[in-house]
C-alpha atoms as a PDB file:
ATOM      1  CA  MET A   1       2.308 -10.967 -10.970  1.00  0.00           C
ATOM      2  CA  GLY A   2       1.002  -9.196  -7.619  1.00  0.00           C
ATOM      3  CA  TRP A   3       4.394  -8.875  -5.579  1.00  0.00           C
ATOM      4  CA  ALA A   4       6.362  -7.314  -8.848  1.00  0.00           C
ATOM      5  CA  TRP A   5       6.038  -3.930  -7.270  1.00  0.00           C
ATOM      6  CA  LEU A   6       7.596  -4.660  -3.920  1.00  0.00           C
ATOM      7  CA  ILE A   7      10.258  -6.861  -5.882  1.00  0.00           C
ATOM      8  CA  LEU A   8      11.289  -3.947  -8.218  1.00  0.00           C
ATOM      9  CA  LEU A   9      11.620  -1.739  -5.270  1.00  0.00           C
ATOM     10  CA  LEU A  10      14.105  -3.918  -3.627  1.00  0.00           C
ATOM     11  CA  ALA A  11      16.204  -3.920  -6.865  1.00  0.00           C
ATOM     12  CA  THR A  12      15.517   0.028  -7.006  1.00  0.00           C
ATOM     13  CA  TYR A  13      16.826   0.200  -3.479  1.00  0.00           C
ATOM     14  CA  PRO A  14      20.384   0.543  -4.435  1.00  0.00           C
ATOM     15  CA  TRP A  15      20.249   3.493  -6.727  1.00  0.00           C
ATOM     16  CA  LEU A  16      18.119   5.465  -3.536  1.00  0.00           C
ATOM     17  CA  LEU A  17      20.894   4.291  -1.399  1.00  0.00           C
ATOM     18  CA  GLY A  18      23.833   5.505  -3.534  1.00  0.00           C
ATOM     19  CA  ALA A  19      22.054   8.531  -4.371  1.00  0.00           C
ATOM     20  CA  ASP A  20      21.376   8.748  -0.679  1.00  0.00           C
ATOM     21  CA  LEU A  21      25.330   8.470   0.067  1.00  0.00           C
ATOM     22  CA  ALA A  22      26.313  10.655  -2.486  1.00  0.00           C
ATOM     23  CA  SER A  23      23.952  13.609  -0.728  1.00  0.00           C
ATOM     24  CA  ASP A  24      25.878  12.493   2.671  1.00  0.00           C
ATOM     25  CA  SER A  25      28.810  13.471   1.127  1.00  0.00           C
ATOM     26  CA  LEU A  26      27.734  16.844  -0.599  1.00  0.00           C
ATOM     27  CA  ALA A  27      26.302  18.050   3.442  1.00  0.00           C
ATOM     28  CA  SER A  28      27.990  20.714   3.558  1.00  0.00           C
ATOM     29  CA  SER A  29      26.574  22.095   0.609  1.00  0.00           C
ATOM     30  CA  SER A  30      23.284  21.180   1.559  1.00  0.00           C
ATOM     31  CA  LEU A  31      22.358  19.546  -1.754  1.00  0.00           C
ATOM     32  CA  VAL A  32      20.420  16.275  -2.127  1.00  0.00           C
ATOM     33  CA  PHE A  33      21.133  13.671  -5.117  1.00  0.00           C
ATOM     34  CA  PHE A  34      17.354  13.484  -5.497  1.00  0.00           C
ATOM     35  CA  VAL A  35      16.418  10.576  -7.756  1.00  0.00           C
ATOM     36  CA  SER A  36      12.971   9.513  -6.546  1.00  0.00           C
ATOM     37  CA  GLY A  37      11.172  10.947  -9.599  1.00  0.00           C
ATOM     38  CA  THR A  38      13.213   9.172 -11.946  1.00  0.00           C
ATOM     39  CA  CYS A  39      13.103   5.629 -10.271  1.00  0.00           C
ATOM     40  CA  LEU A  40       9.329   6.226 -11.290  1.00  0.00           C
ATOM     41  CA  ILE A  41       9.194   6.324 -15.240  1.00  0.00           C
ATOM     42  CA  ALA A  42      10.068   2.504 -16.253  1.00  0.00           C
ATOM     43  CA  PRO A  43       7.688   0.990 -13.896  1.00  0.00           C
ATOM     44  CA  CYS A  44       5.085   3.569 -14.882  1.00  0.00           C
ATOM     45  CA  ARG A  45       5.544   2.333 -18.532  1.00  0.00           C
ATOM     46  CA  ARG A  46       5.156  -1.642 -17.436  1.00  0.00           C
ATOM     47  CA  LEU A  47       3.532  -2.078 -14.134  1.00  0.00           C
ATOM     48  CA  LYS A  48      -0.677  -2.086 -13.399  1.00  0.00           C
ATOM     49  CA  ARG A  49      -1.634   0.947 -11.899  1.00  0.00           C
ATOM     50  CA  TRP A  50      -2.281  -0.274  -8.588  1.00  0.00           C
ATOM     51  CA  GLN A  51       0.986  -1.582  -8.493  1.00  0.00           C
ATOM     52  CA  VAL A  52       2.701   1.923  -9.399  1.00  0.00           C
ATOM     53  CA  ILE A  53       0.694   3.338  -7.040  1.00  0.00           C
ATOM     54  CA  LEU A  54       2.075   1.012  -4.186  1.00  0.00           C
ATOM     55  CA  PHE A  55       5.464   1.492  -5.447  1.00  0.00           C
ATOM     56  CA  ALA A  56       5.535   5.098  -5.505  1.00  0.00           C
ATOM     57  CA  ALA A  57       4.167   5.603  -2.326  1.00  0.00           C
ATOM     58  CA  CYS A  58       6.908   3.140  -0.601  1.00  0.00           C
ATOM     59  CA  LEU A  59       9.458   5.205  -2.546  1.00  0.00           C
ATOM     60  CA  GLY A  60       8.110   8.338  -1.151  1.00  0.00           C
ATOM     61  CA  PHE A  61       7.984   6.947   2.221  1.00  0.00           C
ATOM     62  CA  LEU A  62      11.967   5.643   1.865  1.00  0.00           C
ATOM     63  CA  PHE A  63      12.818   9.412   0.964  1.00  0.00           C
ATOM     64  CA  GLU A  64      10.818  10.748   3.920  1.00  0.00           C
ATOM     65  CA  ALA A  65      12.436   8.167   6.590  1.00  0.00           C
ATOM     66  CA  ARG A  66      15.962   9.849   6.336  1.00  0.00           C
ATOM     67  CA  ARG A  67      14.820  13.537   5.508  1.00  0.00           C
ATOM     68  CA  PRO A  68      13.082  16.248   7.832  1.00  0.00           C
ATOM     69  CA  ILE A  69       9.941  16.184   5.696  1.00  0.00           C
ATOM     70  CA  PRO A  70       5.978  16.362   6.940  1.00  0.00           C
ATOM     71  CA  ASP A  71       4.626  12.821   6.653  1.00  0.00           C
ATOM     72  CA  GLY A  72       3.216  11.999   3.164  1.00  0.00           C
ATOM     73  CA  ALA A  73       4.026  15.090   1.687  1.00  0.00           C
ATOM     74  CA  LEU A  74       6.521  13.456  -1.334  1.00  0.00           C
ATOM     75  CA  ALA A  75       4.838  10.060  -0.848  1.00  0.00           C
ATOM     76  CA  LEU A  76       1.495  11.941  -1.782  1.00  0.00           C
ATOM     77  CA  SER A  77       3.136  13.548  -4.968  1.00  0.00           C
ATOM     78  CA  LEU A  78       4.985  10.919  -6.529  1.00  0.00           C
ATOM     79  CA  VAL A  79       1.583   8.585  -5.954  1.00  0.00           C
ATOM     80  CA  ALA A  80      -0.314  11.852  -7.619  1.00  0.00           C
ATOM     81  CA  VAL A  81       2.369  11.619 -10.474  1.00  0.00           C
ATOM     82  CA  SER A  82       2.140   7.662 -10.935  1.00  0.00           C
ATOM     83  CA  ILE A  83      -1.749   7.728 -11.506  1.00  0.00           C
ATOM     84  CA  PHE A  84      -1.021  10.506 -14.166  1.00  0.00           C
ATOM     85  CA  LEU A  85       1.920   8.934 -16.000  1.00  0.00           C
ATOM     86  CA  SER A  86       0.221   5.507 -15.471  1.00  0.00           C
ATOM     87  CA  SER A  87      -3.026   7.039 -17.441  1.00  0.00           C
ATOM     88  CA  ASN A  88      -0.706   8.906 -20.084  1.00  0.00           C
ATOM     89  CA  ARG A  89       2.204   6.058 -21.286  1.00  0.00           C
ATOM     90  CA  GLN A  90       2.148   7.465 -24.732  1.00  0.00           C
ATOM     91  CA  LEU A  91       4.060  10.513 -23.247  1.00  0.00           C
ATOM     92  CA  MET A  92       6.548   7.883 -22.432  1.00  0.00           C
ATOM     93  CA  ARG A  93       6.814   5.936 -25.692  1.00  0.00           C
ATOM     94  CA  ASN A  94      10.160   6.729 -26.624  1.00  0.00           C
ATOM     95  CA  THR A  95      13.119   7.686 -25.368  1.00  0.00           C
ATOM     96  CA  PRO A  96      13.402  11.533 -25.535  1.00  0.00           C
ATOM     97  CA  GLY A  97       9.753  11.220 -23.978  1.00  0.00           C
ATOM     98  CA  MET A  98      11.302   9.167 -21.114  1.00  0.00           C
ATOM     99  CA  LEU A  99      13.892  11.415 -20.563  1.00  0.00           C
ATOM    100  CA  ARG A 100      11.554  14.576 -20.956  1.00  0.00           C
ATOM    101  CA  ALA A 101       9.565  12.840 -17.946  1.00  0.00           C
ATOM    102  CA  ALA A 102      12.383  11.880 -16.089  1.00  0.00           C
ATOM    103  CA  ALA A 103      13.563  15.208 -15.695  1.00  0.00           C
ATOM    104  CA  ILE A 104      10.086  16.879 -15.139  1.00  0.00           C
ATOM    105  CA  VAL A 105       8.978  14.385 -12.569  1.00  0.00           C
ATOM    106  CA  ASN A 106      12.386  14.659 -10.548  1.00  0.00           C
ATOM    107  CA  VAL A 107      12.196  18.200 -10.640  1.00  0.00           C
ATOM    108  CA  SER A 108       8.511  18.513  -9.444  1.00  0.00           C
ATOM    109  CA  ALA A 109       9.034  15.899  -6.877  1.00  0.00           C
ATOM    110  CA  CYS A 110      12.237  18.065  -5.645  1.00  0.00           C
ATOM    111  CA  LEU A 111      10.344  21.064  -5.354  1.00  0.00           C
ATOM    112  CA  VAL A 112       7.705  19.407  -3.428  1.00  0.00           C
ATOM    113  CA  TRP A 113      10.605  17.974  -1.132  1.00  0.00           C
ATOM    114  CA  PHE A 114      12.089  21.757  -1.174  1.00  0.00           C
ATOM    115  CA  VAL A 115       8.765  23.366  -0.038  1.00  0.00           C
ATOM    116  CA  ALA A 116       7.587  21.037   2.519  1.00  0.00           C
ATOM    117  CA  SER A 117      11.261  20.810   3.987  1.00  0.00           C
ATOM    118  CA  SER A 118      11.684  24.625   4.433  1.00  0.00           C
ATOM    119  CA  TYR A 119       8.201  25.487   5.362  1.00  0.00           C
ATOM    120  CA  GLY A 120       9.544  26.310   9.003  1.00  0.00           C
ATOM    121  CA  ALA A 121      12.845  27.140   8.472  1.00  0.00           C
ATOM    122  CA  PRO A 122      15.112  30.118   9.593  1.00  0.00           C
ATOM    123  CA  ALA A 123      16.572  30.679   6.619  1.00  0.00           C
ATOM    124  CA  SER A 124      15.861  34.127   4.425  1.00  0.00           C
ATOM    125  CA  ALA A 125      14.145  34.121   1.447  1.00  0.00           C
ATOM    126  CA  THR A 126      16.972  35.453  -0.840  1.00  0.00           C
ATOM    127  CA  ASP A 127      19.116  31.975   0.749  1.00  0.00           C
ATOM    128  CA  LEU A 128      16.148  29.891   0.169  1.00  0.00           C
ATOM    129  CA  ALA A 129      15.721  31.290  -3.629  1.00  0.00           C
ATOM    130  CA  GLY A 130      19.413  30.846  -4.532  1.00  0.00           C
ATOM    131  CA  HIS A 131      19.380  27.167  -2.934  1.00  0.00           C
ATOM    132  CA  LEU A 132      16.167  26.796  -4.198  1.00  0.00           C
ATOM    133  CA  LEU A 133      17.881  27.270  -8.162  1.00  0.00           C
ATOM    134  CA  ALA A 134      20.501  25.162  -7.560  1.00  0.00           C
ATOM    135  CA  GLN A 135      18.880  22.043  -5.942  1.00  0.00           C
ATOM    136  CA  LEU A 136      16.483  22.029  -8.928  1.00  0.00           C
ATOM    137  CA  LEU A 137      19.278  22.132 -11.300  1.00  0.00           C
ATOM    138  CA  LEU A 138      21.072  19.176  -9.507  1.00  0.00           C
ATOM    139  CA  ALA A 139      17.560  17.712  -9.480  1.00  0.00           C
ATOM    140  CA  ALA A 140      17.128  17.829 -13.222  1.00  0.00           C
ATOM    141  CA  VAL A 141      20.651  16.871 -14.261  1.00  0.00           C
ATOM    142  CA  VAL A 142      20.669  13.953 -12.133  1.00  0.00           C
ATOM    143  CA  GLY A 143      17.286  12.997 -13.171  1.00  0.00           C
ATOM    144  CA  THR A 144      18.085  13.077 -16.986  1.00  0.00           C
ATOM    145  CA  ILE A 145      21.257  11.440 -16.416  1.00  0.00           C
ATOM    146  CA  GLY A 146      20.219   8.751 -14.094  1.00  0.00           C
ATOM    147  CA  LEU A 147      17.368   7.548 -15.981  1.00  0.00           C
ATOM    148  CA  ILE A 148      18.915   5.497 -18.161  1.00  0.00           C
ATOM    149  CA  PRO A 149      20.927   3.114 -15.776  1.00  0.00           C
ATOM    150  CA  ILE A 150      18.043   3.093 -13.546  1.00  0.00           C
ATOM    151  CA  ALA A 151      15.501   1.982 -16.313  1.00  0.00           C
ATOM    152  CA  LEU A 152      17.581  -0.636 -17.585  1.00  0.00           C
ATOM    153  CA  THR A 153      17.982  -1.957 -13.756  1.00  0.00           C
ATOM    154  CA  GLN A 154      14.123  -1.621 -13.440  1.00  0.00           C
ATOM    155  CA  ASN A 155      13.558  -3.382 -16.920  1.00  0.00           C
ATOM    156  CA  ALA A 156      15.694  -6.089 -16.376  1.00  0.00           C
ATOM    157  CA  ALA A 157      14.027  -7.107 -12.958  1.00  0.00           C
ATOM    158  CA  MET A 158      10.815  -6.992 -14.613  1.00  0.00           C
ATOM    159  CA  ASP A 159      11.916  -8.805 -17.416  1.00  0.00           C
ATOM    160  CA  ARG A 160      13.090 -11.856 -14.816  1.00  0.00           C
ATOM    161  CA  MET A 161       9.952 -11.589 -12.951  1.00  0.00           C
ATOM    162  CA  SER A 162       7.914 -12.212 -16.625  1.00  0.00           C
ATOM    163  CA  VAL A 163       6.309  -8.643 -16.385  1.00  0.00           C
ATOM    164  CA  PRO A 164       4.183  -8.581 -19.719  1.00  0.00           C
ATOM    165  CA  PRO A 165       4.432  -4.555 -21.075  1.00  0.00           C
ATOM    166  CA  ALA A 166       1.345  -3.174 -19.446  1.00  0.00           C
ATOM    167  CA  PRO A 167      -1.444  -1.882 -22.014  1.00  0.00           C
ATOM    168  CA  GLU A 168      -1.549   1.546 -23.695  1.00  0.00           C
ATOM    169  CA  THR A 169      -4.888   2.376 -21.986  1.00  0.00           C
ATOM    170  CA  PRO A 170      -5.222   2.158 -18.522  1.00  0.00           C
END
């Protein structure tokens, strides 16, 4: 099914919207519930590489649409991660591997977002370092905890569309 990535993006959008609304509730602390990296794990296990690349690019641009970040910074990093994960599916064969991948991908994508958005920020380096540590810790926790419900939703949507499991070799 050629349009599976788009339908999967529509099924993933409520999770992105929920994370965005939760981030708005934390606006006074400037922390963001970052789940974009976690949303890549289940599609990288089942979709074809070109579908995962389109999914990752759209996922990154959806996040960039609401945040002050240079165009394409997060989207291109998510595309690079999706190429790596779809080439190395054996890293995500079991649940601990998926949880590890979710935490690592979510933290690294959050780091890319943080660095890109704070490039011209007028804050001091000590303020940014403390805020970066808090943001990365929150991204790791949210990425790990959020993987199970997000992946269940995405797998249910892919099962409904009769998307077969992707082969282990790219």
